[in-house]
Amino acid sequence: MYVKEYRICMPLSVEEYRIGQLYMIAKHSSEQSEKGEGVEVIKNEPCHHPKHGDGQYTEKRIHLSSRLPTWIRAMVPNIFYITEKAWNYYPYTITDYTCSFIPRFAIHIETKYEDNSGTNENILDLPQDELEAREIDTIDIVYDELPEKHVREKEDLTKFHSQKTNRGPLARDWMEDMQPIMCSYKTVQVNFDVWGIQKKVEQFTHRSVRDILLLGHRQAFAWIDEWIDMTYEDIRDYEQRMHTDTNKRVNSSGE
């Protein structure tokens, strides 16, 4: 099992990011969905945790066979999909990923959001053995490089300026003096219990997770003028509309 803790700072408050995160996920899922590929929403309903209180549970199927590297694609059938189960007790969330074709593959993510610049050394109360085993990876949403296929000029945060909040462009040292600022702390455990290719798959998975986190958080800020005026009720309505639309497109396989 390969464990990393990602720390992703944002030029937002935790309260603002609650809306921005939901908007980004719904819009990004819509952009990535087409016939037979993309994100299919199975469940989206309230849930309750004895410690964390009321939250929202979502279950999704992520169909992405054609987007895998050739060496993985050769191993999996076209019906391959990833199941995502997420429990959102904001500002704490749990997300689990499993594979329809490879039962020994799993990703477990615990996340906590806090209004600081990534200075909390154990926000998720990890036991000592996990603290010693974890690898910390700080993601800079502005200056870290994305794969070329994800780069968009209008999402370049070295040039982007928010008309509604007057934030940006973001300079090289933006995390040192930006206000507001928050951090998304994510402990990600990847487990692929298959002898011979375990390390290769786990390393590839972490590279993919990192790219997804970088892209998603960058877009959440680049799209801020689209969501900053939304209420929580507004974003849930938007989310439901996007879910309905993406499900139609993913399931219209042209048969």
C-alpha atoms as a PDB file:
ATOM      1  CA  MET A   1       0.000   0.000   0.000  1.00  0.00           C
ATOM      2  CA  TYR A   2       1.305   3.414  -1.049  1.00  0.00           C
ATOM      3  CA  VAL A   3       0.218   6.381   1.152  1.00  0.00           C
ATOM      4  CA  LYS A   4       0.567  10.069   0.296  1.00  0.00           C
ATOM      5  CA  GLU A   5      -0.827  13.209   1.887  1.00  0.00           C
ATOM      6  CA  TYR A   6      -1.587  15.887  -0.659  1.00  0.00           C
ATOM      7  CA  ARG A   7      -1.864  19.494   0.491  1.00  0.00           C
ATOM      8  CA  ILE A   8      -3.560  21.846  -1.953  1.00  0.00           C
ATOM      9  CA  CYS A   9      -3.878  25.521  -1.052  1.00  0.00           C
ATOM     10  CA  MET A  10      -6.588  27.689  -2.594  1.00  0.00           C
ATOM     11  CA  PRO A  11      -7.108  31.499  -2.653  1.00  0.00           C
ATOM     12  CA  LEU A  12     -10.515  30.926  -1.069  1.00  0.00           C
ATOM     13  CA  SER A  13     -12.064  30.448   2.345  1.00  0.00           C
ATOM     14  CA  VAL A  14     -13.282  27.013   3.445  1.00  0.00           C
ATOM     15  CA  GLU A  15     -16.834  28.378   3.327  1.00  0.00           C
ATOM     16  CA  GLU A  16     -16.402  29.559  -0.282  1.00  0.00           C
ATOM     17  CA  TYR A  17     -14.751  26.325  -1.364  1.00  0.00           C
ATOM     18  CA  ARG A  18     -17.769  24.310  -0.262  1.00  0.00           C
ATOM     19  CA  ILE A  19     -19.698  25.797  -3.193  1.00  0.00           C
ATOM     20  CA  GLY A  20     -16.742  25.937  -5.574  1.00  0.00           C
ATOM     21  CA  GLN A  21     -15.884  22.280  -5.077  1.00  0.00           C
ATOM     22  CA  LEU A  22     -19.411  21.066  -5.880  1.00  0.00           C
ATOM     23  CA  TYR A  23     -19.605  23.347  -8.921  1.00  0.00           C
ATOM     24  CA  MET A  24     -16.225  22.197 -10.222  1.00  0.00           C
ATOM     25  CA  ILE A  25     -17.037  18.492  -9.814  1.00  0.00           C
ATOM     26  CA  ALA A  26     -20.403  18.795 -11.564  1.00  0.00           C
ATOM     27  CA  LYS A  27     -19.110  20.929 -14.444  1.00  0.00           C
ATOM     28  CA  HIS A  28     -15.923  18.895 -14.921  1.00  0.00           C
ATOM     29  CA  SER A  29     -17.916  15.632 -14.946  1.00  0.00           C
ATOM     30  CA  SER A  30     -20.186  17.096 -17.608  1.00  0.00           C
ATOM     31  CA  GLU A  31     -17.244  18.168 -19.766  1.00  0.00           C
ATOM     32  CA  GLN A  32     -15.662  14.705 -19.522  1.00  0.00           C
ATOM     33  CA  SER A  33     -18.835  12.743 -20.353  1.00  0.00           C
ATOM     34  CA  GLU A  34     -19.828  11.554 -23.797  1.00  0.00           C
ATOM     35  CA  LYS A  35     -21.384   8.461 -25.378  1.00  0.00           C
ATOM     36  CA  GLY A  36     -20.406   5.457 -23.291  1.00  0.00           C
ATOM     37  CA  GLU A  37     -17.674   7.334 -21.408  1.00  0.00           C
ATOM     38  CA  GLY A  38     -17.581   9.645 -18.416  1.00  0.00           C
ATOM     39  CA  VAL A  39     -19.345   9.906 -15.067  1.00  0.00           C
ATOM     40  CA  GLU A  40     -22.665   8.195 -14.327  1.00  0.00           C
ATOM     41  CA  VAL A  41     -24.361   9.212 -11.055  1.00  0.00           C
ATOM     42  CA  ILE A  42     -26.035   6.254  -9.328  1.00  0.00           C
ATOM     43  CA  LYS A  43     -26.990   7.831  -5.990  1.00  0.00           C
ATOM     44  CA  ASN A  44     -27.029  11.311  -4.494  1.00  0.00           C
ATOM     45  CA  GLU A  45     -28.772  11.371  -1.124  1.00  0.00           C
ATOM     46  CA  PRO A  46     -28.475  12.647   2.468  1.00  0.00           C
ATOM     47  CA  CYS A  47     -26.524  10.595   5.006  1.00  0.00           C
ATOM     48  CA  HIS A  48     -25.622  10.819   8.687  1.00  0.00           C
ATOM     49  CA  HIS A  49     -22.511   9.984  10.715  1.00  0.00           C
ATOM     50  CA  PRO A  50     -22.562   9.694  14.532  1.00  0.00           C
ATOM     51  CA  LYS A  51     -19.389  11.820  14.806  1.00  0.00           C
ATOM     52  CA  HIS A  52     -19.486  14.111  11.765  1.00  0.00           C
ATOM     53  CA  GLY A  53     -23.229  14.775  11.599  1.00  0.00           C
ATOM     54  CA  ASP A  54     -25.369  15.224   8.501  1.00  0.00           C
ATOM     55  CA  GLY A  55     -23.832  14.932   5.067  1.00  0.00           C
ATOM     56  CA  GLN A  56     -24.377  13.909   1.465  1.00  0.00           C
ATOM     57  CA  TYR A  57     -23.653  10.475   0.011  1.00  0.00           C
ATOM     58  CA  THR A  58     -22.930  10.046  -3.692  1.00  0.00           C
ATOM     59  CA  GLU A  59     -22.182   6.937  -5.698  1.00  0.00           C
ATOM     60  CA  LYS A  60     -20.840   7.228  -9.232  1.00  0.00           C
ATOM     61  CA  ARG A  61     -19.554   4.976 -11.990  1.00  0.00           C
ATOM     62  CA  ILE A  62     -16.637   6.418 -13.920  1.00  0.00           C
ATOM     63  CA  HIS A  63     -16.433   4.817 -17.369  1.00  0.00           C
ATOM     64  CA  LEU A  64     -12.996   5.458 -18.826  1.00  0.00           C
ATOM     65  CA  SER A  65     -11.634   2.402 -20.647  1.00  0.00           C
ATOM     66  CA  SER A  66     -10.466   4.335 -23.724  1.00  0.00           C
ATOM     67  CA  ARG A  67      -8.551   6.840 -21.570  1.00  0.00           C
ATOM     68  CA  LEU A  68      -6.268   4.309 -19.930  1.00  0.00           C
ATOM     69  CA  PRO A  69      -2.634   3.737 -20.928  1.00  0.00           C
ATOM     70  CA  THR A  70      -2.212   0.997 -23.535  1.00  0.00           C
ATOM     71  CA  TRP A  71      -0.525  -1.389 -21.089  1.00  0.00           C
ATOM     72  CA  ILE A  72      -3.544  -1.242 -18.747  1.00  0.00           C
ATOM     73  CA  ARG A  73      -6.151  -1.168 -21.524  1.00  0.00           C
ATOM     74  CA  ALA A  74      -4.864  -4.508 -22.793  1.00  0.00           C
ATOM     75  CA  MET A  75      -5.755  -6.062 -19.420  1.00  0.00           C
ATOM     76  CA  VAL A  76      -9.321  -4.823 -19.006  1.00  0.00           C
ATOM     77  CA  PRO A  77     -12.600  -5.315 -20.903  1.00  0.00           C
ATOM     78  CA  ASN A  78     -14.629  -2.493 -22.464  1.00  0.00           C
ATOM     79  CA  ILE A  79     -17.196  -2.747 -19.645  1.00  0.00           C
ATOM     80  CA  PHE A  80     -14.547  -1.567 -17.188  1.00  0.00           C
ATOM     81  CA  TYR A  81     -15.527   1.207 -14.783  1.00  0.00           C
ATOM     82  CA  ILE A  82     -14.441   2.684 -11.456  1.00  0.00           C
ATOM     83  CA  THR A  83     -17.009   2.990  -8.648  1.00  0.00           C
ATOM     84  CA  GLU A  84     -16.713   6.119  -6.508  1.00  0.00           C
ATOM     85  CA  LYS A  85     -18.473   6.232  -3.151  1.00  0.00           C
ATOM     86  CA  ALA A  86     -18.225   9.541  -1.298  1.00  0.00           C
ATOM     87  CA  TRP A  87     -19.479  10.723   2.078  1.00  0.00           C
ATOM     88  CA  ASN A  88     -19.355  14.510   2.322  1.00  0.00           C
ATOM     89  CA  TYR A  89     -19.531  15.783   5.921  1.00  0.00           C
ATOM     90  CA  TYR A  90     -17.992  19.105   5.003  1.00  0.00           C
ATOM     91  CA  PRO A  91     -15.324  20.118   5.971  1.00  0.00           C
ATOM     92  CA  TYR A  92     -14.493  16.400   6.312  1.00  0.00           C
ATOM     93  CA  THR A  93     -15.022  13.866   3.525  1.00  0.00           C
ATOM     94  CA  ILE A  94     -14.359  10.188   2.815  1.00  0.00           C
ATOM     95  CA  THR A  95     -14.029   8.827  -0.723  1.00  0.00           C
ATOM     96  CA  ASP A  96     -13.522   5.211  -1.808  1.00  0.00           C
ATOM     97  CA  TYR A  97     -12.744   3.943  -5.301  1.00  0.00           C
ATOM     98  CA  THR A  98     -13.014   0.321  -6.390  1.00  0.00           C
ATOM     99  CA  CYS A  99     -12.682  -1.370  -9.768  1.00  0.00           C
ATOM    100  CA  SER A 100     -15.362  -3.447 -11.514  1.00  0.00           C
ATOM    101  CA  PHE A 101     -12.757  -5.704 -13.077  1.00  0.00           C
ATOM    102  CA  ILE A 102      -9.919  -5.811 -10.523  1.00  0.00           C
ATOM    103  CA  PRO A 103     -11.323  -6.518  -7.024  1.00  0.00           C
ATOM    104  CA  ARG A 104      -7.893  -6.160  -5.378  1.00  0.00           C
ATOM    105  CA  PHE A 105      -7.566  -2.532  -6.479  1.00  0.00           C
ATOM    106  CA  ALA A 106      -8.772   0.202  -4.108  1.00  0.00           C
ATOM    107  CA  ILE A 107      -8.194   3.867  -3.315  1.00  0.00           C
ATOM    108  CA  HIS A 108      -9.202   5.354   0.036  1.00  0.00           C
ATOM    109  CA  ILE A 109      -9.139   9.128   0.524  1.00  0.00           C
ATOM    110  CA  GLU A 110      -9.810  11.117   3.685  1.00  0.00           C
ATOM    111  CA  THR A 111      -9.981  14.889   3.346  1.00  0.00           C
ATOM    112  CA  LYS A 112     -10.160  17.813   5.752  1.00  0.00           C
ATOM    113  CA  TYR A 113     -10.400  21.473   4.780  1.00  0.00           C
ATOM    114  CA  GLU A 114      -9.013  24.242   6.971  1.00  0.00           C
ATOM    115  CA  ASP A 115      -8.399  27.995   6.675  1.00  0.00           C
ATOM    116  CA  ASN A 116      -4.584  27.984   6.605  1.00  0.00           C
ATOM    117  CA  SER A 117      -1.698  27.586   4.139  1.00  0.00           C
ATOM    118  CA  GLY A 118      -1.000  23.896   4.780  1.00  0.00           C
ATOM    119  CA  THR A 119       0.614  24.292   8.189  1.00  0.00           C
ATOM    120  CA  ASN A 120      -1.365  21.658  10.115  1.00  0.00           C
ATOM    121  CA  GLU A 121       0.917  18.639  10.468  1.00  0.00           C
ATOM    122  CA  ASN A 122      -1.738  16.103  11.491  1.00  0.00           C
ATOM    123  CA  ILE A 123      -5.162  17.467  10.710  1.00  0.00           C
ATOM    124  CA  LEU A 124      -6.569  13.970  10.115  1.00  0.00           C
ATOM    125  CA  ASP A 125      -5.298  12.584  13.453  1.00  0.00           C
ATOM    126  CA  LEU A 126      -3.242   9.847  11.828  1.00  0.00           C
ATOM    127  CA  PRO A 127      -1.649   7.262  14.146  1.00  0.00           C
ATOM    128  CA  GLN A 128       2.120   7.371  14.552  1.00  0.00           C
ATOM    129  CA  ASP A 129       2.837   4.497  12.159  1.00  0.00           C
ATOM    130  CA  GLU A 130       0.875   6.195   9.358  1.00  0.00           C
ATOM    131  CA  LEU A 131       2.557   9.531  10.069  1.00  0.00           C
ATOM    132  CA  GLU A 132       5.934   7.880   9.637  1.00  0.00           C
ATOM    133  CA  ALA A 133       4.894   6.057   6.458  1.00  0.00           C
ATOM    134  CA  ARG A 134       3.160   8.930   4.670  1.00  0.00           C
ATOM    135  CA  GLU A 135       4.760  11.040   1.951  1.00  0.00           C
ATOM    136  CA  ILE A 136       3.705  14.720   1.896  1.00  0.00           C
ATOM    137  CA  ASP A 137       3.166  16.265  -1.543  1.00  0.00           C
ATOM    138  CA  THR A 138       2.295  19.977  -1.711  1.00  0.00           C
ATOM    139  CA  ILE A 139       0.467  20.872  -4.916  1.00  0.00           C
ATOM    140  CA  ASP A 140       0.773  24.414  -6.306  1.00  0.00           C
ATOM    141  CA  ILE A 141      -2.373  25.012  -8.380  1.00  0.00           C
ATOM    142  CA  VAL A 142      -0.670  27.900 -10.197  1.00  0.00           C
ATOM    143  CA  TYR A 143       2.825  26.732 -11.101  1.00  0.00           C
ATOM    144  CA  ASP A 144       2.794  22.918 -11.064  1.00  0.00           C
ATOM    145  CA  GLU A 145       2.721  21.472 -14.577  1.00  0.00           C
ATOM    146  CA  LEU A 146      -0.299  19.673 -15.989  1.00  0.00           C
ATOM    147  CA  PRO A 147      -0.291  17.221 -18.904  1.00  0.00           C
ATOM    148  CA  GLU A 148      -0.555  19.262 -22.100  1.00  0.00           C
ATOM    149  CA  LYS A 149      -4.019  17.867 -22.939  1.00  0.00           C
ATOM    150  CA  HIS A 150      -5.480  19.560 -19.826  1.00  0.00           C
ATOM    151  CA  VAL A 151      -3.908  23.006 -20.333  1.00  0.00           C
ATOM    152  CA  ARG A 152      -6.303  25.845 -21.227  1.00  0.00           C
ATOM    153  CA  GLU A 153      -5.251  29.441 -21.701  1.00  0.00           C
ATOM    154  CA  LYS A 154      -8.303  30.806 -19.869  1.00  0.00           C
ATOM    155  CA  GLU A 155      -7.416  28.675 -16.821  1.00  0.00           C
ATOM    156  CA  ASP A 156      -3.843  29.990 -16.577  1.00  0.00           C
ATOM    157  CA  LEU A 157      -3.840  31.371 -13.025  1.00  0.00           C
ATOM    158  CA  THR A 158      -0.706  33.451 -13.664  1.00  0.00           C
ATOM    159  CA  LYS A 159      -2.963  35.557 -15.926  1.00  0.00           C
ATOM    160  CA  PHE A 160      -6.489  34.945 -14.611  1.00  0.00           C
ATOM    161  CA  HIS A 161      -8.244  37.785 -12.774  1.00  0.00           C
ATOM    162  CA  SER A 162     -11.611  37.344 -11.064  1.00  0.00           C
ATOM    163  CA  GLN A 163     -13.916  40.227 -11.888  1.00  0.00           C
ATOM    164  CA  LYS A 164     -16.252  39.491  -8.982  1.00  0.00           C
ATOM    165  CA  THR A 165     -13.697  38.968  -6.199  1.00  0.00           C
ATOM    166  CA  ASN A 166     -10.738  40.986  -7.559  1.00  0.00           C
ATOM    167  CA  ARG A 167      -8.419  38.025  -6.903  1.00  0.00           C
ATOM    168  CA  GLY A 168      -5.588  37.064  -9.230  1.00  0.00           C
ATOM    169  CA  PRO A 169      -3.394  36.913 -11.171  1.00  0.00           C
ATOM    170  CA  LEU A 170      -1.394  34.823  -8.683  1.00  0.00           C
ATOM    171  CA  ALA A 171       2.334  35.486  -8.333  1.00  0.00           C
ATOM    172  CA  ARG A 172       5.029  32.898  -7.644  1.00  0.00           C
ATOM    173  CA  ASP A 173       4.842  33.468  -3.850  1.00  0.00           C
ATOM    174  CA  TRP A 174       1.048  33.658  -3.703  1.00  0.00           C
ATOM    175  CA  MET A 175       0.719  31.120  -0.867  1.00  0.00           C
ATOM    176  CA  GLU A 176       2.861  33.246   1.454  1.00  0.00           C
ATOM    177  CA  ASP A 177       0.669  36.344   1.682  1.00  0.00           C
ATOM    178  CA  MET A 178      -2.677  35.507   0.032  1.00  0.00           C
ATOM    179  CA  GLN A 179      -5.888  36.290   1.923  1.00  0.00           C
ATOM    180  CA  PRO A 180      -8.153  34.452   2.103  1.00  0.00           C
ATOM    181  CA  ILE A 181      -6.327  31.126   1.893  1.00  0.00           C
ATOM    182  CA  MET A 182      -7.379  27.580   2.724  1.00  0.00           C
ATOM    183  CA  CYS A 183      -5.857  24.134   2.389  1.00  0.00           C
ATOM    184  CA  SER A 184      -7.307  20.834   1.267  1.00  0.00           C
ATOM    185  CA  TYR A 185      -5.520  18.025   3.140  1.00  0.00           C
ATOM    186  CA  LYS A 186      -5.962  14.644   1.443  1.00  0.00           C
ATOM    187  CA  THR A 187      -4.538  11.374   2.720  1.00  0.00           C
ATOM    188  CA  VAL A 188      -4.636   8.972  -0.225  1.00  0.00           C
ATOM    189  CA  GLN A 189      -4.065   5.231   0.200  1.00  0.00           C
ATOM    190  CA  VAL A 190      -3.632   3.201  -2.990  1.00  0.00           C
ATOM    191  CA  ASN A 191      -3.678  -0.576  -2.802  1.00  0.00           C
ATOM    192  CA  PHE A 192      -3.251  -2.971  -5.734  1.00  0.00           C
ATOM    193  CA  ASP A 193      -2.685  -6.449  -4.369  1.00  0.00           C
ATOM    194  CA  VAL A 194      -1.426  -8.224  -7.482  1.00  0.00           C
ATOM    195  CA  TRP A 195       2.103  -9.611  -7.424  1.00  0.00           C
ATOM    196  CA  GLY A 196       4.471  -8.413 -10.130  1.00  0.00           C
ATOM    197  CA  ILE A 197       2.786  -5.162 -11.170  1.00  0.00           C
ATOM    198  CA  GLN A 198       1.669  -3.799  -7.787  1.00  0.00           C
ATOM    199  CA  LYS A 199       4.271  -1.031  -7.562  1.00  0.00           C
ATOM    200  CA  LYS A 200       3.818   0.045 -11.188  1.00  0.00           C
ATOM    201  CA  VAL A 201       0.032   0.338 -10.869  1.00  0.00           C
ATOM    202  CA  GLU A 202       0.156   2.111  -7.497  1.00  0.00           C
ATOM    203  CA  GLN A 203       2.684   4.663  -8.782  1.00  0.00           C
ATOM    204  CA  PHE A 204       0.660   5.258 -11.950  1.00  0.00           C
ATOM    205  CA  THR A 205      -2.487   5.705  -9.841  1.00  0.00           C
ATOM    206  CA  HIS A 206      -0.838   8.331  -7.636  1.00  0.00           C
ATOM    207  CA  ARG A 207       0.384  10.241 -10.696  1.00  0.00           C
ATOM    208  CA  SER A 208      -3.175  10.193 -12.057  1.00  0.00           C
ATOM    209  CA  VAL A 209      -4.638  11.259  -8.696  1.00  0.00           C
ATOM    210  CA  ARG A 210      -2.178  14.154  -8.504  1.00  0.00           C
ATOM    211  CA  ASP A 211      -3.081  15.369 -12.013  1.00  0.00           C
ATOM    212  CA  ILE A 212      -6.794  15.154 -11.185  1.00  0.00           C
ATOM    213  CA  LEU A 213      -6.341  17.113  -7.942  1.00  0.00           C
ATOM    214  CA  LEU A 214      -4.230  19.771  -9.658  1.00  0.00           C
ATOM    215  CA  LEU A 215      -6.671  20.195 -12.540  1.00  0.00           C
ATOM    216  CA  GLY A 216      -9.791  20.200 -10.371  1.00  0.00           C
ATOM    217  CA  HIS A 217      -8.531  22.738  -7.846  1.00  0.00           C
ATOM    218  CA  ARG A 218      -7.142  24.970 -10.595  1.00  0.00           C
ATOM    219  CA  GLN A 219     -10.497  24.931 -12.368  1.00  0.00           C
ATOM    220  CA  ALA A 220     -12.425  25.590  -9.156  1.00  0.00           C
ATOM    221  CA  PHE A 221     -10.647  28.947  -8.871  1.00  0.00           C
ATOM    222  CA  ALA A 222     -10.588  29.707 -12.605  1.00  0.00           C
ATOM    223  CA  TRP A 223     -14.389  29.288 -12.644  1.00  0.00           C
ATOM    224  CA  ILE A 224     -14.972  31.350  -9.474  1.00  0.00           C
ATOM    225  CA  ASP A 225     -16.989  34.069 -11.221  1.00  0.00           C
ATOM    226  CA  GLU A 226     -19.451  31.379 -12.363  1.00  0.00           C
ATOM    227  CA  TRP A 227     -20.196  30.076  -8.835  1.00  0.00           C
ATOM    228  CA  ILE A 228     -19.253  32.722  -6.244  1.00  0.00           C
ATOM    229  CA  ASP A 229     -22.800  34.165  -6.094  1.00  0.00           C
ATOM    230  CA  MET A 230     -24.470  30.753  -5.685  1.00  0.00           C
ATOM    231  CA  THR A 231     -26.147  29.650  -2.460  1.00  0.00           C
ATOM    232  CA  TYR A 232     -25.964  26.058  -1.220  1.00  0.00           C
ATOM    233  CA  GLU A 233     -29.480  25.494  -2.599  1.00  0.00           C
ATOM    234  CA  ASP A 234     -28.391  26.923  -5.967  1.00  0.00           C
ATOM    235  CA  ILE A 235     -25.430  24.573  -6.225  1.00  0.00           C
ATOM    236  CA  ARG A 236     -27.514  21.510  -5.336  1.00  0.00           C
ATOM    237  CA  ASP A 237     -29.991  22.443  -8.095  1.00  0.00           C
ATOM    238  CA  TYR A 238     -27.120  22.923 -10.565  1.00  0.00           C
ATOM    239  CA  GLU A 239     -25.564  19.626  -9.475  1.00  0.00           C
ATOM    240  CA  GLN A 240     -28.828  17.756 -10.073  1.00  0.00           C
ATOM    241  CA  ARG A 241     -29.226  19.252 -13.572  1.00  0.00           C
ATOM    242  CA  MET A 242     -25.654  18.305 -14.479  1.00  0.00           C
ATOM    243  CA  HIS A 243     -26.128  14.766 -13.119  1.00  0.00           C
ATOM    244  CA  THR A 244     -29.239  14.251 -15.240  1.00  0.00           C
ATOM    245  CA  ASP A 245     -27.480  15.546 -18.344  1.00  0.00           C
ATOM    246  CA  THR A 246     -24.294  13.504 -17.882  1.00  0.00           C
ATOM    247  CA  ASN A 247     -26.236  10.298 -17.198  1.00  0.00           C
ATOM    248  CA  LYS A 248     -28.119  10.738 -20.480  1.00  0.00           C
ATOM    249  CA  ARG A 249     -24.888  11.216 -22.424  1.00  0.00           C
ATOM    250  CA  VAL A 250     -22.961   8.380 -20.772  1.00  0.00           C
ATOM    251  CA  ASN A 251     -25.828   5.944 -21.306  1.00  0.00           C
ATOM    252  CA  SER A 252     -26.499   6.902 -24.946  1.00  0.00           C
ATOM    253  CA  SER A 253     -23.945   4.467 -26.332  1.00  0.00           C
ATOM    254  CA  GLY A 254     -25.337   4.544 -29.813  1.00  0.00           C
ATOM    255  CA  GLU A 255     -26.773   1.003 -29.690  1.00  0.00           C
END
